[in-house]
Amino acid sequence: MVCFNFYIFDRAGCCLHYHEWYRPKSVRQGAGTSADDQKQMFGLFWTLSNFTATLDPKNPNPIPLGAPRKIGEGCRFHSFTTNTYKLHFLESPSGIKARRGGGTG
C-alpha cells in the first residue's frame, strides 16, 4: 500500500502538519488551494464523526446530528475504503486528529 498524504489537525480544525508523498492529481486540479483542501478534509472528518455518533446503536440517548460532543463520545469511525484509496482516521484524547490516506492497490 502506498501512503499518499498525511494530515494532523487540532480540535478547532487548524492543520498543524501536512506531508504529501504521492498525489496523482495536484490540488489545483481539485480543491483549488492547499488551504481549501485542508478545510475540505477536516469537514469530511467532522461530518463522518458526527454522523457515526448520531447513529450509535449502543447509545440510548443519541446525540443530535451536528451537536457539540466531547472527545471520544459516541460511536467513532476509524477508516473507510473506496475503489481507489483507504482513509484511516485517529482522534486522540487531546483532540489532535490524524488522517492518512493510501492506495489500495
N, C-alpha and C. Protein backbone atom coordinates (compact mmCIF):
# COMPACT_ATOMS: atom_id res chain seq x y z
N MET A 1 0.84 -1.17 0.00
CA MET A 1 0.00 0.00 0.00
C MET A 1 0.89 1.24 0.00
N VAL A 2 0.51 2.22 -0.77
CA VAL A 2 1.23 3.48 -0.87
C VAL A 2 0.56 4.50 0.04
N CYS A 3 1.35 5.27 0.77
CA CYS A 3 0.79 6.35 1.57
C CYS A 3 0.81 7.61 0.72
N PHE A 4 -0.35 8.18 0.45
CA PHE A 4 -0.44 9.36 -0.39
C PHE A 4 -0.13 10.64 0.37
N ASN A 5 -0.84 10.89 1.44
CA ASN A 5 -0.62 12.11 2.21
C ASN A 5 -1.08 11.90 3.65
N PHE A 6 -0.66 12.85 4.51
CA PHE A 6 -0.88 12.73 5.95
C PHE A 6 -1.22 14.12 6.49
N TYR A 7 -2.33 14.22 7.23
CA TYR A 7 -2.75 15.48 7.83
C TYR A 7 -2.82 15.30 9.35
N ILE A 8 -2.47 16.35 10.10
CA ILE A 8 -2.72 16.40 11.54
C ILE A 8 -3.44 17.71 11.82
N PHE A 9 -4.63 17.60 12.45
CA PHE A 9 -5.46 18.76 12.76
C PHE A 9 -5.59 18.91 14.28
N ASP A 10 -5.77 20.15 14.74
CA ASP A 10 -6.14 20.34 16.14
C ASP A 10 -7.66 20.26 16.24
N ARG A 11 -8.19 20.38 17.46
CA ARG A 11 -9.64 20.22 17.64
C ARG A 11 -10.44 21.33 16.98
N ALA A 12 -9.82 22.47 16.68
CA ALA A 12 -10.53 23.58 16.04
C ALA A 12 -10.52 23.49 14.51
N GLY A 13 -9.80 22.51 13.96
CA GLY A 13 -9.78 22.33 12.52
C GLY A 13 -8.58 22.95 11.84
N CYS A 14 -7.63 23.47 12.60
CA CYS A 14 -6.43 24.07 12.03
C CYS A 14 -5.44 22.95 11.70
N CYS A 15 -4.93 22.95 10.49
CA CYS A 15 -3.97 21.92 10.09
C CYS A 15 -2.61 22.22 10.70
N LEU A 16 -2.15 21.33 11.58
CA LEU A 16 -0.87 21.50 12.25
C LEU A 16 0.28 20.95 11.42
N HIS A 17 0.01 19.90 10.65
CA HIS A 17 1.07 19.27 9.85
C HIS A 17 0.44 18.64 8.62
N TYR A 18 1.13 18.76 7.50
CA TYR A 18 0.70 18.11 6.26
C TYR A 18 1.94 17.59 5.56
N HIS A 19 1.90 16.36 5.13
CA HIS A 19 3.00 15.80 4.35
C HIS A 19 2.41 15.03 3.18
N GLU A 20 2.99 15.23 2.02
CA GLU A 20 2.50 14.58 0.81
C GLU A 20 3.62 13.73 0.23
N TRP A 21 3.33 12.43 0.00
CA TRP A 21 4.29 11.54 -0.63
C TRP A 21 3.96 11.35 -2.10
N TYR A 22 2.72 11.13 -2.37
CA TYR A 22 2.31 10.87 -3.75
C TYR A 22 0.88 11.37 -3.93
N ARG A 23 0.68 12.17 -4.94
CA ARG A 23 -0.66 12.69 -5.22
C ARG A 23 -0.85 12.65 -6.74
N PRO A 24 -1.70 11.74 -7.24
CA PRO A 24 -1.87 11.60 -8.69
C PRO A 24 -2.33 12.90 -9.38
N LYS A 25 -3.18 13.67 -8.72
CA LYS A 25 -3.64 14.94 -9.26
C LYS A 25 -3.20 16.04 -8.31
N SER A 26 -2.80 17.17 -8.85
CA SER A 26 -2.41 18.28 -7.98
C SER A 26 -3.65 18.87 -7.31
N VAL A 27 -3.43 19.62 -6.24
CA VAL A 27 -4.53 20.25 -5.53
C VAL A 27 -5.27 21.20 -6.47
N ARG A 28 -4.55 21.86 -7.34
CA ARG A 28 -5.17 22.82 -8.26
C ARG A 28 -6.19 22.16 -9.19
N GLN A 29 -6.03 20.88 -9.47
CA GLN A 29 -7.00 20.17 -10.31
C GLN A 29 -8.24 19.78 -9.52
N GLY A 30 -8.21 19.94 -8.21
CA GLY A 30 -9.34 19.52 -7.39
C GLY A 30 -9.88 20.66 -6.56
N ALA A 31 -9.33 20.84 -5.35
CA ALA A 31 -9.89 21.78 -4.38
C ALA A 31 -9.53 23.23 -4.66
N GLY A 32 -8.45 23.51 -5.35
CA GLY A 32 -8.06 24.88 -5.63
C GLY A 32 -6.77 25.25 -4.94
N THR A 33 -6.77 25.38 -3.62
CA THR A 33 -5.55 25.70 -2.87
C THR A 33 -5.35 24.66 -1.78
N SER A 34 -4.15 24.65 -1.21
CA SER A 34 -3.87 23.71 -0.12
C SER A 34 -4.77 24.00 1.09
N ALA A 35 -5.02 25.29 1.37
CA ALA A 35 -5.89 25.65 2.50
C ALA A 35 -7.31 25.13 2.26
N ASP A 36 -7.81 25.23 1.04
CA ASP A 36 -9.14 24.70 0.72
C ASP A 36 -9.17 23.19 0.87
N ASP A 37 -8.11 22.52 0.42
CA ASP A 37 -8.02 21.07 0.55
C ASP A 37 -8.06 20.65 2.01
N GLN A 38 -7.32 21.37 2.87
CA GLN A 38 -7.29 21.05 4.29
C GLN A 38 -8.65 21.29 4.94
N LYS A 39 -9.33 22.36 4.57
CA LYS A 39 -10.67 22.63 5.11
C LYS A 39 -11.66 21.54 4.70
N GLN A 40 -11.56 21.08 3.46
CA GLN A 40 -12.46 20.03 3.00
C GLN A 40 -12.19 18.71 3.71
N MET A 41 -10.92 18.39 3.96
CA MET A 41 -10.60 17.15 4.67
C MET A 41 -11.11 17.21 6.10
N PHE A 42 -10.91 18.34 6.79
CA PHE A 42 -11.42 18.44 8.16
C PHE A 42 -12.94 18.37 8.17
N GLY A 43 -13.59 18.98 7.20
CA GLY A 43 -15.05 18.91 7.09
C GLY A 43 -15.53 17.48 6.92
N LEU A 44 -14.79 16.71 6.13
CA LEU A 44 -15.13 15.29 5.95
C LEU A 44 -15.04 14.55 7.27
N PHE A 45 -13.95 14.77 8.03
CA PHE A 45 -13.80 14.12 9.34
C PHE A 45 -14.93 14.50 10.28
N TRP A 46 -15.20 15.80 10.36
CA TRP A 46 -16.21 16.30 11.29
C TRP A 46 -17.58 15.71 10.95
N THR A 47 -17.91 15.69 9.67
CA THR A 47 -19.20 15.17 9.24
C THR A 47 -19.33 13.68 9.55
N LEU A 48 -18.32 12.89 9.21
CA LEU A 48 -18.38 11.45 9.46
C LEU A 48 -18.40 11.14 10.96
N SER A 49 -17.64 11.89 11.75
CA SER A 49 -17.64 11.68 13.20
C SER A 49 -19.01 11.94 13.79
N ASN A 50 -19.62 13.06 13.41
CA ASN A 50 -20.94 13.39 13.94
C ASN A 50 -22.01 12.42 13.44
N PHE A 51 -21.90 12.00 12.20
CA PHE A 51 -22.87 11.06 11.64
C PHE A 51 -22.82 9.73 12.36
N THR A 52 -21.60 9.20 12.60
CA THR A 52 -21.49 7.91 13.29
C THR A 52 -21.89 8.03 14.76
N ALA A 53 -21.61 9.17 15.41
CA ALA A 53 -22.04 9.36 16.81
C ALA A 53 -23.56 9.44 16.90
N THR A 54 -24.19 10.03 15.90
CA THR A 54 -25.65 10.14 15.88
C THR A 54 -26.31 8.77 15.69
N LEU A 55 -25.70 7.92 14.89
CA LEU A 55 -26.28 6.61 14.59
C LEU A 55 -25.77 5.49 15.51
N ASP A 56 -25.10 5.85 16.59
CA ASP A 56 -24.56 4.86 17.52
C ASP A 56 -25.68 3.96 18.06
N PRO A 57 -25.66 2.66 17.74
CA PRO A 57 -26.75 1.77 18.18
C PRO A 57 -26.70 1.46 19.68
N LYS A 58 -25.57 1.69 20.35
CA LYS A 58 -25.44 1.35 21.77
C LYS A 58 -25.85 2.49 22.70
N ASN A 59 -26.06 3.68 22.16
CA ASN A 59 -26.38 4.83 22.99
C ASN A 59 -27.90 4.98 23.12
N PRO A 60 -28.47 4.86 24.33
CA PRO A 60 -29.92 5.01 24.48
C PRO A 60 -30.40 6.45 24.29
N ASN A 61 -29.50 7.43 24.49
CA ASN A 61 -29.83 8.85 24.29
C ASN A 61 -28.95 9.40 23.16
N PRO A 62 -29.36 9.22 21.92
CA PRO A 62 -28.50 9.63 20.81
C PRO A 62 -28.22 11.13 20.80
N ILE A 63 -27.03 11.46 20.36
CA ILE A 63 -26.61 12.86 20.23
C ILE A 63 -27.25 13.42 18.97
N PRO A 64 -27.89 14.59 19.04
CA PRO A 64 -28.47 15.17 17.82
C PRO A 64 -27.39 15.44 16.78
N LEU A 65 -27.73 15.28 15.53
CA LEU A 65 -26.79 15.48 14.43
C LEU A 65 -26.27 16.91 14.46
N GLY A 66 -24.95 17.08 14.48
CA GLY A 66 -24.32 18.39 14.47
C GLY A 66 -24.14 19.01 15.84
N ALA A 67 -24.65 18.38 16.89
CA ALA A 67 -24.49 18.93 18.24
C ALA A 67 -23.05 18.74 18.71
N PRO A 68 -22.54 19.68 19.51
CA PRO A 68 -21.18 19.51 20.02
C PRO A 68 -21.10 18.28 20.91
N ARG A 69 -19.97 17.61 20.86
CA ARG A 69 -19.78 16.42 21.67
C ARG A 69 -18.36 16.40 22.21
N LYS A 70 -18.16 15.64 23.27
CA LYS A 70 -16.84 15.52 23.87
C LYS A 70 -15.99 14.55 23.06
N ILE A 71 -14.68 14.68 23.20
CA ILE A 71 -13.76 13.79 22.51
C ILE A 71 -14.04 12.36 22.95
N GLY A 72 -14.21 11.46 21.99
CA GLY A 72 -14.46 10.06 22.28
C GLY A 72 -15.89 9.72 22.59
N GLU A 73 -16.78 10.69 22.60
CA GLU A 73 -18.19 10.43 22.91
C GLU A 73 -18.88 9.86 21.68
N GLY A 74 -19.65 8.83 21.88
CA GLY A 74 -20.40 8.22 20.79
C GLY A 74 -19.55 7.26 19.98
N CYS A 75 -20.18 6.66 19.02
CA CYS A 75 -19.52 5.72 18.12
C CYS A 75 -18.55 6.50 17.23
N ARG A 76 -17.40 5.92 16.95
CA ARG A 76 -16.41 6.62 16.12
C ARG A 76 -16.10 5.81 14.89
N PHE A 77 -15.75 6.50 13.81
CA PHE A 77 -15.29 5.78 12.64
C PHE A 77 -13.77 5.77 12.65
N HIS A 78 -13.18 4.72 12.11
CA HIS A 78 -11.73 4.58 12.11
C HIS A 78 -11.17 4.58 10.70
N SER A 79 -11.96 4.18 9.72
CA SER A 79 -11.47 4.17 8.35
C SER A 79 -12.65 3.97 7.40
N PHE A 80 -12.42 4.32 6.16
CA PHE A 80 -13.35 3.94 5.11
C PHE A 80 -12.57 3.68 3.83
N THR A 81 -13.15 2.90 2.96
CA THR A 81 -12.47 2.46 1.75
C THR A 81 -13.30 2.79 0.53
N THR A 82 -12.64 3.28 -0.51
CA THR A 82 -13.26 3.46 -1.82
C THR A 82 -12.57 2.51 -2.78
N ASN A 83 -12.91 2.59 -4.06
CA ASN A 83 -12.26 1.69 -5.02
C ASN A 83 -10.84 2.14 -5.35
N THR A 84 -10.41 3.35 -4.90
CA THR A 84 -9.06 3.82 -5.22
C THR A 84 -8.19 4.10 -3.99
N TYR A 85 -8.76 4.25 -2.82
CA TYR A 85 -7.95 4.51 -1.64
C TYR A 85 -8.67 4.10 -0.37
N LYS A 86 -7.89 4.05 0.72
CA LYS A 86 -8.45 3.80 2.05
C LYS A 86 -8.01 4.93 2.94
N LEU A 87 -8.92 5.49 3.71
CA LEU A 87 -8.62 6.58 4.62
C LEU A 87 -8.67 6.06 6.04
N HIS A 88 -7.61 6.32 6.81
CA HIS A 88 -7.54 5.94 8.22
C HIS A 88 -7.66 7.21 9.04
N PHE A 89 -8.39 7.14 10.15
CA PHE A 89 -8.63 8.30 11.00
C PHE A 89 -8.33 7.95 12.44
N LEU A 90 -7.61 8.83 13.14
CA LEU A 90 -7.31 8.63 14.55
C LEU A 90 -7.59 9.94 15.27
N GLU A 91 -8.33 9.88 16.37
CA GLU A 91 -8.59 11.05 17.19
C GLU A 91 -8.07 10.76 18.59
N SER A 92 -7.12 11.57 19.05
CA SER A 92 -6.52 11.35 20.37
C SER A 92 -7.34 12.05 21.45
N PRO A 93 -7.17 11.68 22.72
CA PRO A 93 -7.89 12.33 23.81
C PRO A 93 -7.60 13.84 23.91
N SER A 94 -6.47 14.29 23.38
CA SER A 94 -6.13 15.71 23.43
C SER A 94 -6.89 16.50 22.37
N GLY A 95 -7.57 15.80 21.46
CA GLY A 95 -8.30 16.48 20.41
C GLY A 95 -7.53 16.54 19.11
N ILE A 96 -6.29 16.05 19.09
CA ILE A 96 -5.50 16.02 17.86
C ILE A 96 -6.07 14.93 16.96
N LYS A 97 -6.26 15.27 15.69
CA LYS A 97 -6.83 14.34 14.73
C LYS A 97 -5.80 14.07 13.63
N ALA A 98 -5.61 12.82 13.27
CA ALA A 98 -4.66 12.48 12.22
C ALA A 98 -5.37 11.67 11.17
N ARG A 99 -5.01 11.91 9.93
CA ARG A 99 -5.61 11.23 8.80
C ARG A 99 -4.50 10.78 7.88
N ARG A 100 -4.57 9.53 7.45
CA ARG A 100 -3.61 9.01 6.49
C ARG A 100 -4.38 8.36 5.37
N GLY A 101 -4.08 8.74 4.16
CA GLY A 101 -4.75 8.15 3.01
C GLY A 101 -3.73 7.41 2.18
N GLY A 102 -4.10 6.23 1.72
CA GLY A 102 -3.19 5.45 0.91
C GLY A 102 -3.94 4.66 -0.13
N GLY A 103 -3.21 4.25 -1.16
CA GLY A 103 -3.79 3.47 -2.24
C GLY A 103 -4.11 2.07 -1.79
N THR A 104 -5.07 1.48 -2.46
CA THR A 104 -5.47 0.11 -2.11
C THR A 104 -4.83 -0.91 -3.04
N GLY A 105 -4.16 -0.48 -4.03
CA GLY A 105 -3.55 -1.47 -4.89
C GLY A 105 -3.13 -0.87 -6.11
